[in-house]
Amino acid sequence: CTHWVWGTEEGEQKCWFRSGDSGREGGEGWVSGARSCVPAGTQALVMGNNECWAEGFGYPECCEAKYGPNGNAQCWDGVYNYDRCCFPKEEL
């Protein structure tokens, strides 16, 4: 994903991720930009689920690939797990 499009379609706000900028067209009620740019009033979606982290536990300590396919086992309990906490795997 290198670009995005944001706007209202059929009464709902929607966002699409694009693999490139080619084929982009202007349209009323739509904004678009590169991955590094975010629409006014919003912020980039960070890696992982912010609801999961506490002091000493964050995406780098729990989800990095060096910990294997299920992340760092010391981070997980009955509530928090790799699938809940480690997606998205990159900033969107």
Protein backbone atom coordinates (compact mmCIF):
# COMPACT_ATOMS: atom_id res chain seq x y z
CA CYS A 1 0.00 0.00 0.00
CA THR A 2 1.56 3.29 -1.09
CA HIS A 3 -1.53 5.52 -1.52
CA TRP A 4 -5.08 5.89 -0.19
CA VAL A 5 -8.45 7.38 -1.20
CA TRP A 6 -10.98 8.69 1.37
CA GLY A 7 -14.55 9.84 0.77
CA THR A 8 -18.28 9.22 1.09
CA GLU A 9 -20.00 6.56 -0.99
CA GLU A 10 -23.63 5.52 -0.54
CA GLY A 11 -23.86 7.62 2.65
CA GLU A 12 -20.86 5.97 4.35
CA GLN A 13 -17.31 7.21 4.81
CA LYS A 14 -14.89 4.79 3.21
CA CYS A 15 -11.16 4.43 2.72
CA TRP A 16 -9.36 2.42 0.05
CA PHE A 17 -5.70 1.51 0.00
CA ARG A 18 -3.92 1.58 -3.35
CA SER A 19 -0.72 -0.02 -4.59
CA GLY A 20 0.20 3.07 -6.64
CA ASP A 21 -0.83 6.54 -7.78
CA SER A 22 -1.60 5.69 -11.42
CA GLY A 23 -5.23 5.87 -12.54
CA ARG A 24 -6.22 8.29 -9.79
CA GLU A 25 -9.10 10.61 -10.75
CA GLY A 26 -10.47 13.71 -9.03
CA GLY A 27 -13.97 13.57 -7.59
CA GLU A 28 -16.16 15.79 -5.42
CA GLY A 29 -16.11 14.67 -1.78
CA TRP A 30 -12.96 12.57 -2.20
CA VAL A 31 -9.40 13.16 -1.05
CA SER A 32 -6.36 11.02 -1.72
CA GLY A 33 -2.69 10.98 -0.96
CA ALA A 34 0.49 9.07 -0.43
CA ARG A 35 0.93 6.71 2.50
CA SER A 36 2.81 9.39 4.46
CA CYS A 37 -0.12 11.84 4.21
CA VAL A 38 -3.32 11.57 6.30
CA PRO A 39 -6.69 13.38 5.89
CA ALA A 40 -7.40 16.35 8.16
CA GLY A 41 -8.82 15.27 11.52
CA THR A 42 -7.36 11.77 11.31
CA GLN A 43 -4.06 10.12 12.13
CA ALA A 44 -2.06 7.28 10.68
CA LEU A 45 -3.00 3.81 11.92
CA VAL A 46 -0.01 2.58 13.90
CA MET A 47 1.41 -0.93 13.97
CA GLY A 48 -0.43 -3.24 16.33
CA ASN A 49 -3.40 -2.59 18.59
CA ASN A 50 -2.79 0.32 21.01
CA GLU A 51 -5.30 -1.19 23.48
CA CYS A 52 -2.84 -4.02 24.17
CA TRP A 53 0.17 -2.14 25.45
CA ALA A 54 1.31 -1.22 28.95
CA GLU A 55 4.62 -0.12 30.46
CA GLY A 56 7.39 -2.31 29.04
CA PHE A 57 5.07 -4.04 26.58
CA GLY A 58 4.65 -2.61 23.09
CA TYR A 59 4.76 -3.66 19.46
CA PRO A 60 8.58 -3.93 19.32
CA GLU A 61 8.77 -6.01 22.53
CA CYS A 62 5.91 -8.35 21.62
CA CYS A 63 5.39 -8.56 17.86
CA GLU A 64 8.68 -8.28 16.00
CA ALA A 65 9.52 -11.15 13.65
CA LYS A 66 12.52 -12.19 15.76
CA TYR A 67 10.04 -13.66 18.29
CA GLY A 68 8.61 -16.10 15.73
CA PRO A 69 5.15 -16.54 14.22
CA ASN A 70 3.27 -16.00 17.51
CA GLY A 71 5.35 -13.15 18.90
CA ASN A 72 6.91 -12.97 22.35
CA ALA A 73 5.14 -15.52 24.59
CA GLN A 74 5.84 -13.36 27.68
CA CYS A 75 3.41 -10.75 26.31
CA TRP A 76 0.30 -12.92 26.09
CA ASP A 77 -2.34 -14.06 28.57
CA GLY A 78 -6.02 -15.05 28.43
CA VAL A 79 -7.06 -11.60 27.17
CA TYR A 80 -4.16 -10.46 25.00
CA ASN A 81 -2.67 -12.56 22.19
CA TYR A 82 -0.67 -12.17 19.01
CA ASP A 83 -3.68 -12.02 16.67
CA ARG A 84 -5.43 -9.36 18.74
CA CYS A 85 -2.39 -7.20 19.40
CA CYS A 86 0.00 -7.45 16.44
CA PHE A 87 -2.14 -6.37 13.48
CA PRO A 88 -1.76 -4.29 11.40
CA LYS A 89 1.85 -5.31 10.91
CA GLU A 90 2.78 -1.95 9.34
CA GLU A 91 1.61 1.63 9.62
CA LEU A 92 -1.32 2.28 7.31
